Every structure is written in C-alpha cells, then in structure tokens.
N, C-alpha and C. Protein backbone atom coordinates (compact mmCIF):
# COMPACT_ATOMS: atom_id res chain seq x y z
N MET A 1 84.81 -23.45 24.01
CA MET A 1 84.43 -23.05 22.31
C MET A 1 84.24 -21.48 22.67
N LYS A 2 82.98 -21.22 23.24
CA LYS A 2 82.29 -19.91 22.78
C LYS A 2 83.59 -18.64 23.01
N GLY A 3 84.49 -19.10 23.95
CA GLY A 3 85.79 -18.04 24.24
C GLY A 3 86.69 -18.13 23.08
N THR A 4 86.42 -19.17 22.40
CA THR A 4 87.29 -18.73 20.89
C THR A 4 86.99 -17.88 19.83
N PHE A 5 85.43 -18.74 20.08
CA PHE A 5 84.64 -17.95 18.66
C PHE A 5 84.34 -16.20 18.83
N GLU A 6 83.95 -16.09 20.28
CA GLU A 6 84.30 -15.00 20.84
C GLU A 6 85.51 -13.74 20.55
N ASN A 7 86.52 -14.10 20.27
CA ASN A 7 87.65 -13.90 19.96
C ASN A 7 87.86 -13.82 18.85
N TYR A 8 87.86 -14.54 17.85
CA TYR A 8 87.12 -14.56 16.22
C TYR A 8 86.62 -13.44 16.05
N LEU A 9 85.36 -13.22 16.90
CA LEU A 9 84.51 -12.29 16.44
C LEU A 9 85.56 -11.18 16.70
N ARG A 10 85.90 -10.71 17.71
CA ARG A 10 86.63 -9.61 18.11
C ARG A 10 87.81 -9.11 17.02
N GLN A 11 88.54 -9.98 16.72
CA GLN A 11 89.51 -9.91 15.80
C GLN A 11 89.13 -9.70 13.88
N HIS A 12 87.54 -9.97 13.56
CA HIS A 12 87.32 -9.99 12.22
C HIS A 12 86.09 -9.71 11.79
N THR A 13 85.65 -8.40 13.12
CA THR A 13 84.45 -8.08 13.26
C THR A 13 84.18 -6.58 14.01
N GLN A 14 83.42 -5.80 13.72
CA GLN A 14 83.22 -4.29 14.35
C GLN A 14 82.14 -4.46 15.35
N LEU A 15 81.36 -5.94 15.77
CA LEU A 15 80.38 -5.93 16.53
C LEU A 15 80.53 -5.39 17.67
N ALA A 16 79.38 -4.73 18.07
CA ALA A 16 79.41 -4.68 19.49
C ALA A 16 79.49 -5.34 20.76
N ASN A 17 79.29 -5.57 22.11
CA ASN A 17 79.34 -6.13 22.63
C ASN A 17 78.15 -6.76 23.17
N GLU A 18 77.18 -6.36 22.69
CA GLU A 18 75.60 -6.86 22.49
C GLU A 18 75.25 -7.82 21.11
N GLU A 19 75.78 -7.48 20.50
CA GLU A 19 75.35 -8.36 19.68
C GLU A 19 76.49 -9.72 18.84
N ILE A 20 77.65 -9.53 19.62
CA ILE A 20 78.21 -10.56 20.29
C ILE A 20 77.60 -11.45 21.04
N ASN A 21 77.57 -11.10 22.29
CA ASN A 21 76.21 -11.82 23.42
C ASN A 21 75.11 -12.54 22.72
N ARG A 22 74.42 -11.87 21.84
CA ARG A 22 73.29 -11.97 20.68
C ARG A 22 73.91 -13.44 20.25
N ILE A 23 74.71 -13.28 19.68
CA ILE A 23 75.53 -14.07 18.83
C ILE A 23 75.92 -15.74 19.67
N LEU A 24 76.32 -15.04 20.18
CA LEU A 24 76.75 -16.72 21.63
C LEU A 24 75.79 -17.05 22.16
N ASP A 25 75.01 -16.13 22.58
CA ASP A 25 73.32 -17.01 23.17
C ASP A 25 72.91 -18.19 22.46
N LEU A 26 72.86 -17.67 21.23
CA LEU A 26 72.45 -18.91 20.48
C LEU A 26 73.08 -19.92 19.65
N ALA A 27 74.25 -20.25 20.23
CA ALA A 27 75.65 -20.79 20.06
C ALA A 27 75.77 -22.60 20.65
N ILE A 28 75.52 -23.56 19.73
CA ILE A 28 75.39 -25.17 20.25
C ILE A 28 77.01 -24.97 20.44
N GLU A 29 77.42 -25.86 21.54
CA GLU A 29 79.06 -26.20 21.56
C GLU A 29 78.96 -27.93 21.32
N ARG A 30 79.76 -28.19 20.73
CA ARG A 30 79.83 -29.85 20.46
C ARG A 30 81.15 -30.12 20.66
N LYS A 31 81.53 -31.01 21.42
CA LYS A 31 83.39 -31.81 20.91
C LYS A 31 83.18 -33.00 20.08
N LEU A 32 84.12 -33.52 19.40
CA LEU A 32 84.35 -34.25 18.26
C LEU A 32 85.31 -35.40 18.69
N LYS A 33 84.65 -36.64 18.76
CA LYS A 33 86.25 -37.44 18.73
C LYS A 33 86.52 -37.61 17.33
N ARG A 34 87.92 -37.87 17.28
CA ARG A 34 88.89 -38.45 16.19
C ARG A 34 87.86 -39.04 15.13
N ASN A 35 87.72 -38.72 13.95
CA ASN A 35 86.69 -39.68 12.67
C ASN A 35 85.40 -39.73 13.18
N GLU A 36 84.98 -38.77 14.36
CA GLU A 36 83.59 -38.36 14.32
C GLU A 36 82.80 -37.52 14.00
N ALA A 37 81.73 -38.28 12.97
CA ALA A 37 81.11 -37.39 11.74
C ALA A 37 80.11 -36.37 12.52
N LEU A 38 79.94 -35.33 11.56
CA LEU A 38 79.04 -34.23 12.15
C LEU A 38 77.71 -34.18 11.30
N LEU A 39 78.14 -34.27 9.73
CA LEU A 39 77.25 -34.45 9.24
C LEU A 39 77.17 -36.08 8.43
N SER A 40 76.34 -36.80 7.65
CA SER A 40 76.78 -38.17 6.98
C SER A 40 75.74 -37.56 5.49
N ALA A 41 76.19 -38.28 4.71
CA ALA A 41 75.63 -37.77 3.22
C ALA A 41 74.54 -38.73 3.35
N GLY A 42 73.34 -37.77 3.03
CA GLY A 42 71.72 -38.46 3.11
C GLY A 42 70.58 -37.59 4.33
N GLU A 43 71.89 -36.82 4.91
CA GLU A 43 71.16 -35.86 6.53
C GLU A 43 70.76 -35.03 5.51
N VAL A 44 70.12 -33.97 6.40
CA VAL A 44 70.23 -32.59 6.09
C VAL A 44 71.31 -32.01 6.55
N CYS A 45 72.07 -30.99 6.67
CA CYS A 45 72.83 -29.95 7.06
C CYS A 45 71.85 -29.00 7.30
N ARG A 46 71.57 -29.14 8.72
CA ARG A 46 70.58 -27.60 9.40
C ARG A 46 72.10 -26.88 10.28
N GLN A 47 72.72 -26.82 9.92
CA GLN A 47 73.88 -25.98 11.07
C GLN A 47 74.88 -25.18 9.93
N LYS A 48 75.29 -24.45 10.43
CA LYS A 48 76.49 -23.79 10.28
C LYS A 48 77.16 -24.21 11.20
N ILE A 49 78.85 -23.93 11.01
CA ILE A 49 79.77 -24.68 11.62
C ILE A 49 81.21 -24.28 11.87
N PHE A 50 81.56 -23.70 12.74
CA PHE A 50 82.18 -22.68 13.16
C PHE A 50 83.41 -24.10 13.92
N VAL A 51 84.81 -23.83 13.18
CA VAL A 51 85.66 -25.09 13.96
C VAL A 51 86.73 -23.71 15.09
N ALA A 52 86.46 -24.35 16.48
CA ALA A 52 86.61 -23.55 17.48
C ALA A 52 88.43 -24.27 17.47
N SER A 53 88.34 -25.68 17.38
CA SER A 53 89.80 -26.31 17.69
C SER A 53 89.42 -27.59 16.66
N GLY A 54 91.01 -27.91 16.54
CA GLY A 54 90.96 -29.28 15.68
C GLY A 54 90.96 -29.26 14.07
N ILE A 55 90.42 -30.24 13.37
CA ILE A 55 90.32 -30.36 11.88
C ILE A 55 89.01 -30.88 11.40
N LEU A 56 88.28 -30.25 10.36
CA LEU A 56 87.00 -31.36 9.92
C LEU A 56 87.61 -31.17 8.48
N ARG A 57 86.97 -32.56 7.67
CA ARG A 57 86.81 -32.58 6.30
C ARG A 57 85.52 -32.59 5.86
N ASN A 58 85.47 -31.48 4.68
CA ASN A 58 84.26 -32.31 3.59
C ASN A 58 84.79 -33.20 2.48
N PHE A 59 83.71 -34.36 2.25
CA PHE A 59 84.26 -34.96 1.74
C PHE A 59 83.56 -36.06 1.14
N ALA A 60 83.48 -36.93 -0.11
CA ALA A 60 82.54 -37.87 -0.85
C ALA A 60 83.18 -38.73 -0.56
N VAL A 61 82.59 -40.28 -0.31
CA VAL A 61 82.66 -41.69 -0.75
C VAL A 61 82.06 -41.96 -1.91
N LYS A 62 83.43 -43.06 -2.61
CA LYS A 62 82.82 -43.02 -4.08
C LYS A 62 82.61 -44.84 -3.49
N GLU A 63 81.74 -45.49 -4.32
CA GLU A 63 81.32 -46.63 -4.61
C GLU A 63 82.21 -47.69 -3.78
N ASP A 64 83.50 -47.29 -4.43
CA ASP A 64 84.59 -48.40 -4.27
C ASP A 64 85.00 -47.91 -2.87
N GLY A 65 84.28 -47.09 -2.09
CA GLY A 65 85.14 -46.87 -0.63
C GLY A 65 86.19 -45.91 -0.58
N SER A 66 86.95 -45.03 -2.17
CA SER A 66 87.72 -44.14 -1.87
C SER A 66 87.19 -42.85 -1.73
N GLU A 67 87.76 -41.95 -0.98
CA GLU A 67 86.82 -40.38 -0.87
C GLU A 67 87.84 -39.50 -1.61
N HIS A 68 87.13 -38.77 -1.41
CA HIS A 68 87.39 -37.20 -2.65
C HIS A 68 87.41 -36.28 -1.05
N ILE A 69 88.09 -35.51 -0.72
CA ILE A 69 88.36 -34.68 0.17
C ILE A 69 88.19 -33.57 -0.41
N LEU A 70 86.99 -32.49 -0.44
CA LEU A 70 86.99 -31.30 -1.22
C LEU A 70 87.58 -29.94 -0.09
N GLN A 71 87.42 -30.29 1.26
CA GLN A 71 88.36 -29.23 1.76
C GLN A 71 88.05 -29.66 3.45
N PHE A 72 89.31 -28.90 3.87
CA PHE A 72 89.46 -29.23 5.04
C PHE A 72 89.38 -27.85 5.69
N SER A 73 88.74 -27.97 6.92
CA SER A 73 88.45 -27.13 7.85
C SER A 73 89.15 -27.04 9.43
N PRO A 74 90.35 -25.78 9.70
CA PRO A 74 90.58 -26.05 10.57
C PRO A 74 89.78 -24.86 11.49
N GLU A 75 90.92 -25.08 12.75
CA GLU A 75 90.40 -23.99 13.60
C GLU A 75 90.11 -22.56 13.07
N ASN A 76 89.35 -21.89 13.64
CA ASN A 76 88.84 -20.40 12.84
C ASN A 76 88.37 -20.37 11.82
N SER A 77 88.12 -21.21 11.37
CA SER A 77 87.32 -21.46 10.08
C SER A 77 85.45 -21.94 9.81
N TRP A 78 85.16 -21.74 8.93
CA TRP A 78 83.75 -21.99 8.85
C TRP A 78 83.54 -23.56 7.87
N THR A 79 82.58 -23.95 7.59
CA THR A 79 81.72 -25.17 6.94
C THR A 79 80.51 -25.32 7.07
N LEU A 80 80.11 -25.84 6.29
CA LEU A 80 78.80 -26.96 6.32
C LEU A 80 79.02 -27.64 4.79
N ASP A 81 77.90 -27.90 4.66
CA ASP A 81 77.24 -28.84 3.18
C ASP A 81 76.46 -27.57 2.72
N VAL A 82 77.07 -26.40 2.02
CA VAL A 82 76.05 -25.65 1.65
C VAL A 82 74.84 -25.84 0.51
N GLU A 83 74.80 -26.67 -0.16
CA GLU A 83 73.79 -26.79 -1.51
C GLU A 83 72.41 -27.53 -0.36
N SER A 84 72.66 -28.66 0.56
CA SER A 84 72.03 -29.33 2.08
C SER A 84 71.53 -28.46 2.58
N TYR A 85 72.16 -27.54 3.06
CA TYR A 85 71.75 -26.23 4.44
C TYR A 85 70.93 -25.30 3.32
N ASP A 86 70.98 -24.57 2.82
CA ASP A 86 69.99 -23.64 1.44
C ASP A 86 68.89 -24.15 1.38
N SER A 87 68.81 -25.48 0.48
CA SER A 87 67.84 -25.98 0.21
C SER A 87 67.44 -27.22 1.38
N ARG A 88 67.95 -27.42 2.55
CA ARG A 88 67.54 -28.13 3.08
C ARG A 88 66.85 -29.83 2.57
N GLN A 89 67.30 -30.37 1.38
CA GLN A 89 67.60 -31.26 1.28
C GLN A 89 68.77 -32.25 1.43
N PRO A 90 68.77 -33.52 1.46
CA PRO A 90 69.96 -34.36 2.07
C PRO A 90 70.96 -33.84 1.06
N ALA A 91 72.16 -34.03 1.99
CA ALA A 91 73.26 -34.16 2.04
C ALA A 91 74.07 -34.92 1.06
N LYS A 92 74.76 -34.18 -0.03
CA LYS A 92 75.94 -35.51 -0.75
C LYS A 92 77.00 -35.52 -0.36
N TYR A 93 77.57 -35.02 0.64
CA TYR A 93 78.72 -34.74 1.12
C TYR A 93 78.69 -34.92 2.56
N ASN A 94 79.85 -35.68 3.38
CA ASN A 94 80.24 -36.06 4.52
C ASN A 94 80.84 -35.12 5.33
N ILE A 95 80.71 -34.41 7.02
CA ILE A 95 82.12 -33.54 7.25
C ILE A 95 82.16 -34.41 8.33
N ALA A 96 83.33 -34.56 8.71
CA ALA A 96 84.16 -35.38 10.07
C ALA A 96 85.51 -34.60 10.46
N ALA A 97 85.37 -35.32 11.58
CA ALA A 97 86.73 -34.73 12.25
C ALA A 97 87.88 -35.60 12.33
N ILE A 98 88.91 -35.13 11.87
CA ILE A 98 90.00 -35.38 11.36
C ILE A 98 90.95 -35.87 12.73
N GLU A 99 90.79 -35.06 13.81
CA GLU A 99 91.22 -35.29 15.31
C GLU A 99 90.31 -34.72 16.01
N PRO A 100 90.83 -34.96 17.09
CA PRO A 100 89.32 -34.25 18.44
C PRO A 100 89.46 -32.94 17.68
N SER A 101 88.04 -32.59 17.77
CA SER A 101 87.53 -30.72 17.83
C SER A 101 86.71 -30.66 18.27
N GLU A 102 86.60 -29.57 18.57
CA GLU A 102 85.31 -28.47 18.88
C GLU A 102 85.02 -27.67 18.12
N VAL A 103 83.70 -27.61 18.01
CA VAL A 103 82.75 -26.72 17.36
C VAL A 103 81.90 -25.68 17.88
N VAL A 104 81.29 -25.37 17.23
CA VAL A 104 80.39 -23.95 18.11
C VAL A 104 79.50 -24.28 16.33
N LEU A 105 78.28 -24.26 16.99
CA LEU A 105 76.83 -24.39 15.88
C LEU A 105 75.84 -23.76 16.04
N TRP A 106 75.18 -23.09 15.09
CA TRP A 106 73.97 -22.30 14.99
C TRP A 106 73.26 -23.06 13.78
N ASN A 107 71.68 -23.28 14.68
CA ASN A 107 70.55 -23.75 13.67
C ASN A 107 70.31 -23.02 12.72
N LYS A 108 69.80 -23.34 11.06
CA LYS A 108 69.62 -22.70 10.24
C LYS A 108 68.72 -21.42 10.57
N ASP A 109 67.63 -21.83 11.36
CA ASP A 109 66.44 -20.40 11.04
C ASP A 109 67.35 -19.81 12.72
N ASP A 110 68.12 -20.07 13.32
CA ASP A 110 68.55 -18.70 14.48
C ASP A 110 69.87 -18.11 13.88
N PHE A 111 70.92 -18.88 12.99
CA PHE A 111 71.71 -17.88 12.03
C PHE A 111 70.83 -17.01 10.59
N ASP A 112 70.05 -17.47 10.44
CA ASP A 112 69.54 -16.40 9.59
C ASP A 112 68.63 -15.19 10.25
N GLY A 113 68.35 -15.66 11.27
CA GLY A 113 68.02 -15.04 12.65
C GLY A 113 68.96 -13.25 12.54
N LEU A 114 69.78 -13.90 13.03
CA LEU A 114 70.72 -13.39 13.75
C LEU A 114 71.79 -12.24 12.29
N VAL A 115 72.02 -12.99 11.01
CA VAL A 115 72.29 -12.33 9.75
C VAL A 115 71.06 -11.32 9.61
N ALA A 116 69.59 -11.61 9.74
CA ALA A 116 68.82 -10.01 9.56
C ALA A 116 68.62 -9.48 10.51
N GLY A 117 68.95 -9.41 11.92
CA GLY A 117 68.78 -8.73 13.07
C GLY A 117 70.49 -7.92 13.24
N VAL A 118 71.59 -8.69 12.74
CA VAL A 118 72.37 -7.91 13.24
C VAL A 118 73.44 -7.35 11.77
N PRO A 119 73.19 -6.58 11.22
CA PRO A 119 73.73 -6.05 9.84
C PRO A 119 75.05 -6.84 9.78
N ALA A 120 76.37 -6.00 10.75
CA ALA A 120 77.87 -5.64 10.99
C ALA A 120 77.86 -7.79 10.42
N PHE A 121 77.10 -8.56 11.38
CA PHE A 121 77.50 -10.12 11.50
C PHE A 121 76.61 -10.62 9.56
N LYS A 122 76.05 -9.69 9.01
CA LYS A 122 75.30 -10.02 7.85
C LYS A 122 76.86 -9.87 6.84
N GLN A 123 77.49 -8.79 7.19
CA GLN A 123 78.44 -8.51 6.08
C GLN A 123 79.65 -9.15 6.62
N HIS A 124 79.90 -9.70 7.64
CA HIS A 124 80.73 -10.56 7.69
C HIS A 124 80.42 -12.12 7.00
N SER A 125 79.50 -12.46 7.17
CA SER A 125 79.23 -13.68 6.88
C SER A 125 79.04 -13.23 5.06
N GLN A 126 79.08 -12.45 4.57
CA GLN A 126 78.63 -12.33 3.04
C GLN A 126 80.27 -12.16 2.40
N GLN A 127 81.28 -11.46 3.10
CA GLN A 127 82.71 -11.57 3.05
C GLN A 127 83.16 -12.96 3.10
N LEU A 128 82.35 -13.89 4.09
CA LEU A 128 83.06 -14.99 4.35
C LEU A 128 82.35 -15.81 2.93
N ILE A 129 81.57 -15.55 2.38
CA ILE A 129 81.08 -16.32 1.21
C ILE A 129 81.48 -16.04 0.15
N SER A 130 81.67 -15.10 -0.26
CA SER A 130 82.38 -14.45 -1.01
C SER A 130 83.92 -14.99 -1.20
N ARG A 131 84.79 -15.17 -0.04
CA ARG A 131 85.75 -15.82 0.09
C ARG A 131 85.67 -17.28 -0.12
N ASN A 132 84.86 -18.02 0.27
CA ASN A 132 84.75 -19.24 0.07
C ASN A 132 84.84 -19.36 -1.96
N ILE A 133 83.36 -18.39 -2.43
CA ILE A 133 83.45 -19.13 -3.99
C ILE A 133 84.66 -18.45 -4.63
N TYR A 134 85.60 -17.18 -4.29
CA TYR A 134 86.89 -17.31 -4.88
C TYR A 134 87.80 -18.40 -4.62
N ASN A 135 87.51 -19.18 -3.63
CA ASN A 135 89.10 -19.77 -3.04
C ASN A 135 88.45 -21.49 -4.01
N SER A 136 87.05 -21.33 -3.78
CA SER A 136 86.61 -22.99 -4.33
C SER A 136 86.61 -22.81 -6.18
N ARG A 137 86.46 -21.65 -6.62
CA ARG A 137 86.74 -21.44 -8.22
C ARG A 137 88.23 -21.63 -8.38
N GLN A 138 89.29 -21.15 -7.31
CA GLN A 138 90.73 -21.44 -7.20
C GLN A 138 90.80 -23.22 -7.33
N ARG A 139 90.38 -23.38 -6.47
CA ARG A 139 90.86 -24.99 -6.09
C ARG A 139 90.29 -25.78 -7.22
N ILE A 140 89.28 -25.56 -8.13
CA ILE A 140 88.47 -26.40 -9.51
C ILE A 140 89.67 -26.20 -10.39
N LEU A 141 90.22 -24.79 -10.46
CA LEU A 141 91.00 -24.17 -11.30
C LEU A 141 92.17 -25.44 -11.00
N THR A 142 92.79 -25.24 -10.00
CA THR A 142 94.14 -25.66 -10.12
C THR A 142 93.61 -27.56 -9.97
N ALA A 143 92.52 -28.55 -9.79
CA ALA A 143 92.12 -29.41 -9.80
C ALA A 143 92.14 -29.75 -11.17
N LEU A 144 91.55 -29.12 -12.34
CA LEU A 144 91.36 -29.58 -13.67
C LEU A 144 92.88 -29.07 -14.66
N SER A 145 93.46 -28.15 -13.96
CA SER A 145 94.44 -27.91 -14.75
C SER A 145 96.20 -27.82 -14.46
N GLY A 146 96.11 -28.03 -12.92
CA GLY A 146 97.26 -28.28 -12.79
C GLY A 146 98.04 -29.55 -12.70
N THR A 147 99.42 -29.70 -12.64
CA THR A 147 100.50 -30.61 -12.47
C THR A 147 100.05 -31.16 -10.95
N PRO A 148 100.68 -32.23 -11.17
CA PRO A 148 100.41 -33.03 -9.78
C PRO A 148 101.05 -31.80 -8.32
N GLU A 149 102.52 -31.70 -9.23
CA GLU A 149 103.16 -30.13 -8.46
C GLU A 149 102.55 -29.11 -8.26
N GLU A 150 102.40 -28.61 -9.33
CA GLU A 150 101.16 -27.29 -9.20
C GLU A 150 99.98 -27.70 -7.72
N LYS A 151 99.49 -28.77 -7.65
CA LYS A 151 98.61 -28.99 -7.00
C LYS A 151 98.83 -29.32 -5.75
N TYR A 152 99.84 -29.58 -5.51
CA TYR A 152 100.97 -29.81 -3.94
C TYR A 152 101.06 -28.33 -3.62
N GLU A 153 101.59 -27.79 -4.38
CA GLU A 153 102.17 -26.26 -3.56
C GLU A 153 100.74 -25.53 -3.98
N ASP A 154 99.74 -25.68 -3.80
CA ASP A 154 98.17 -24.67 -3.53
C ASP A 154 98.07 -25.37 -2.06
N PHE A 155 98.00 -26.66 -2.45
CA PHE A 155 97.64 -27.24 -0.88
C PHE A 155 98.64 -26.54 -0.01
N LEU A 156 100.21 -26.59 -0.25
CA LEU A 156 101.05 -25.69 1.04
C LEU A 156 100.62 -24.63 1.32
N LYS A 157 100.12 -23.54 0.27
CA LYS A 157 99.85 -22.27 0.51
C LYS A 157 98.66 -22.01 1.10
N THR A 158 97.13 -22.84 0.67
CA THR A 158 96.29 -23.06 1.24
C THR A 158 96.61 -23.42 3.15
N TYR A 159 97.09 -24.51 3.29
CA TYR A 159 97.06 -24.95 4.80
C TYR A 159 98.70 -24.97 4.71
N PRO A 160 99.20 -23.91 5.20
CA PRO A 160 100.74 -23.91 5.38
C PRO A 160 100.74 -25.18 6.63
N THR A 161 99.68 -25.26 7.60
CA THR A 161 99.99 -25.25 8.72
C THR A 161 99.43 -27.13 9.15
N LEU A 162 98.59 -27.85 8.32
CA LEU A 162 98.63 -29.19 7.85
C LEU A 162 99.23 -29.88 7.80
N LEU A 163 99.78 -29.97 6.78
CA LEU A 163 100.89 -31.12 6.80
C LEU A 163 101.29 -31.70 7.48
N SER A 164 101.89 -31.37 8.34
CA SER A 164 102.05 -32.42 9.76
C SER A 164 100.75 -33.05 10.44
N ARG A 165 99.87 -32.53 10.60
CA ARG A 165 98.75 -33.09 11.33
C ARG A 165 97.75 -33.73 10.09
N LEU A 166 98.02 -33.67 9.08
CA LEU A 166 96.97 -34.64 8.23
C LEU A 166 97.78 -35.96 7.55
N PRO A 167 97.07 -37.12 7.87
CA PRO A 167 97.27 -38.31 6.93
C PRO A 167 97.68 -38.47 5.54
N LEU A 168 99.19 -38.75 5.63
CA LEU A 168 99.37 -38.58 3.78
C LEU A 168 97.75 -39.32 2.98
N ARG A 169 97.32 -40.28 3.30
CA ARG A 169 96.45 -40.64 2.32
C ARG A 169 95.10 -39.45 2.40
N MET A 170 94.61 -39.13 3.34
CA MET A 170 93.92 -37.73 3.35
C MET A 170 94.10 -36.56 2.24
N ILE A 171 95.71 -36.18 2.26
CA ILE A 171 95.93 -34.92 1.92
C ILE A 171 96.52 -35.68 0.25
N ALA A 172 96.44 -36.98 -0.04
CA ALA A 172 96.20 -37.28 -1.65
C ALA A 172 95.15 -37.27 -2.19
N ALA A 173 93.98 -37.73 -0.92
CA ALA A 173 92.89 -37.72 -1.04
C ALA A 173 92.21 -36.69 -1.55
N TYR A 174 92.94 -35.23 -1.25
CA TYR A 174 92.58 -33.97 -1.31
C TYR A 174 92.96 -33.47 -2.63
N LEU A 175 94.12 -33.66 -3.12
CA LEU A 175 94.82 -33.85 -3.92
C LEU A 175 94.43 -34.32 -5.42
N GLY A 176 93.99 -35.62 -5.20
CA GLY A 176 93.59 -36.27 -6.05
C GLY A 176 94.53 -36.99 -7.32
N VAL A 177 95.42 -37.78 -5.83
CA VAL A 177 96.57 -38.44 -6.67
C VAL A 177 97.12 -39.25 -5.64
N SER A 178 98.29 -40.44 -5.99
CA SER A 178 97.93 -41.57 -5.59
C SER A 178 99.21 -40.89 -4.07
N ILE A 179 99.21 -41.89 -3.41
CA ILE A 179 100.47 -42.08 -2.44
C ILE A 179 101.52 -41.73 -2.62
N LYS A 180 101.73 -42.47 -3.46
CA LYS A 180 102.64 -42.84 -3.99
C LYS A 180 103.57 -41.43 -4.88
N THR A 181 102.63 -40.66 -5.54
CA THR A 181 102.90 -39.78 -6.17
C THR A 181 103.17 -38.58 -5.21
N LEU A 182 102.06 -38.55 -3.99
CA LEU A 182 102.65 -37.27 -3.07
C LEU A 182 103.89 -37.73 -2.38
N THR A 183 103.84 -39.22 -1.93
CA THR A 183 105.25 -39.31 -1.48
C THR A 183 106.49 -39.12 -2.11
N ARG A 184 106.54 -38.68 -3.80
CA ARG A 184 107.65 -38.00 -4.73
C ARG A 184 107.38 -36.75 -4.42
N LEU A 185 106.54 -36.04 -4.53
CA LEU A 185 106.17 -34.62 -4.26
C LEU A 185 107.04 -34.01 -2.93
N ARG A 186 107.04 -34.48 -2.16
CA ARG A 186 107.30 -34.42 -0.67
C ARG A 186 108.62 -34.55 -0.69
N ARG A 187 109.20 -35.99 -1.31
CA ARG A 187 110.78 -35.88 -1.58
C ARG A 187 111.05 -34.62 -2.30
N ASP A 188 110.71 -34.70 -3.81
CA ASP A 188 111.09 -33.49 -4.53
C ASP A 188 111.36 -32.24 -4.00
N GLN A 189 110.55 -31.60 -2.82
CA GLN A 189 110.55 -30.53 -2.52
C GLN A 189 111.62 -30.66 -0.54
N LEU A 190 111.70 -31.24 -0.16
CA LEU A 190 112.56 -31.24 0.50
C LEU A 190 114.12 -31.63 -0.45
N LEU A 191 114.04 -31.85 -1.32
CA LEU A 191 115.36 -31.76 -2.09
C LEU A 191 115.73 -30.43 -2.56
N ARG A 192 114.35 -29.36 -2.53
CA ARG A 192 115.16 -27.98 -3.10
C ARG A 192 115.37 -27.33 -2.20
N PHE A 193 114.94 -27.73 -0.98
CA PHE A 193 115.51 -26.58 0.19
C PHE A 193 116.27 -26.92 0.83
C-alpha cells in the first residue's frame, strides 16, 4: 500500500526522497473488505484517505434507505468528508468500500503538520483541492441541468474504467436515475457503436 502511494508521489510531485519518507512514516495502512465502512454518518472524519487499490464511495442514506452517491474514489485518488474533517463535527456522509480495497490514511494533525512542513506537498494538496472544487462544480451543474443522457456521458468521461466494476444500482444512485432509465441509456449507447 505504501509502495503504491510512494509511486503516486513520484509520478505527481517533485518531492525529495527524505520528504517522501517523512510522509510515509506518518501513513497508516488499512485493508477494507467489500462493503466495509471507513466512515459512518455521525462520526467525525479524522483522516485523509488515499485509495491504493479498490474503490470507495461517498454517499448519504435517505430515511427510506435509498442511497445518493456523491463520489466514487478509485485507486490513486483521495477522499474524505471535507466538512467533518475541517470542522471536526459529525459527518453527514458515509465512506465505504465497494470492493476489497487498500487505503493509506493520515490523522488530521499529522497531515496538517506535513502540509505546513513540506512546501511541495502543500502545493500538491492545494492542486487537489482546486481540482476537486472544479469537478464538484461540474458535477452539480450536470446534476441540475443535464438530461439523463448527459449525466451518463459525464459519468463515462469522469470514471471511464469503472463501468464494469460497479453495480448498476450504484451507478443509478450516482446519476440520480432509476435502474430502468440506466438500462435504457446503456442499451442506447451500445446501439450507437
């Protein structure tokens, strides 16, 4: 797990070896089973999460038991409940593994110390935050104004490798459409090619 994260840092940053080792020394490795929760609504999100392998989902559960999936986090991506993490208040969202997953975690105080003490890591973190804000704004716009077809196309563009790895019910929950609509969208797409 730490090896995967080290490779990620070497590909995406200009960190020196001693900086990478400092970051890895504070990392916590964890394996998750399929459907295992990493964060449940009501708990405080105390860790930044890097997905070394597998897929996580950030989601809310309505009173009727239905899910609204906000984000998928496949390997080589980051996730957390940002509001809970920053404010140290109970989370409104859940984070769970969709398939067996391996994650690398940093406690908030350790991560904040790394960002303060390693300028190149701070710059990388700021770039991730900016990219996440941009992606979230695009997702909101598509969710509010897009047709089901546009939502599906956006999903395929955002997560091109996940279609075969995700249950249809989760893709439908992410898109905000019924499984029947999703099945029609997939059929229509196959007919076009």
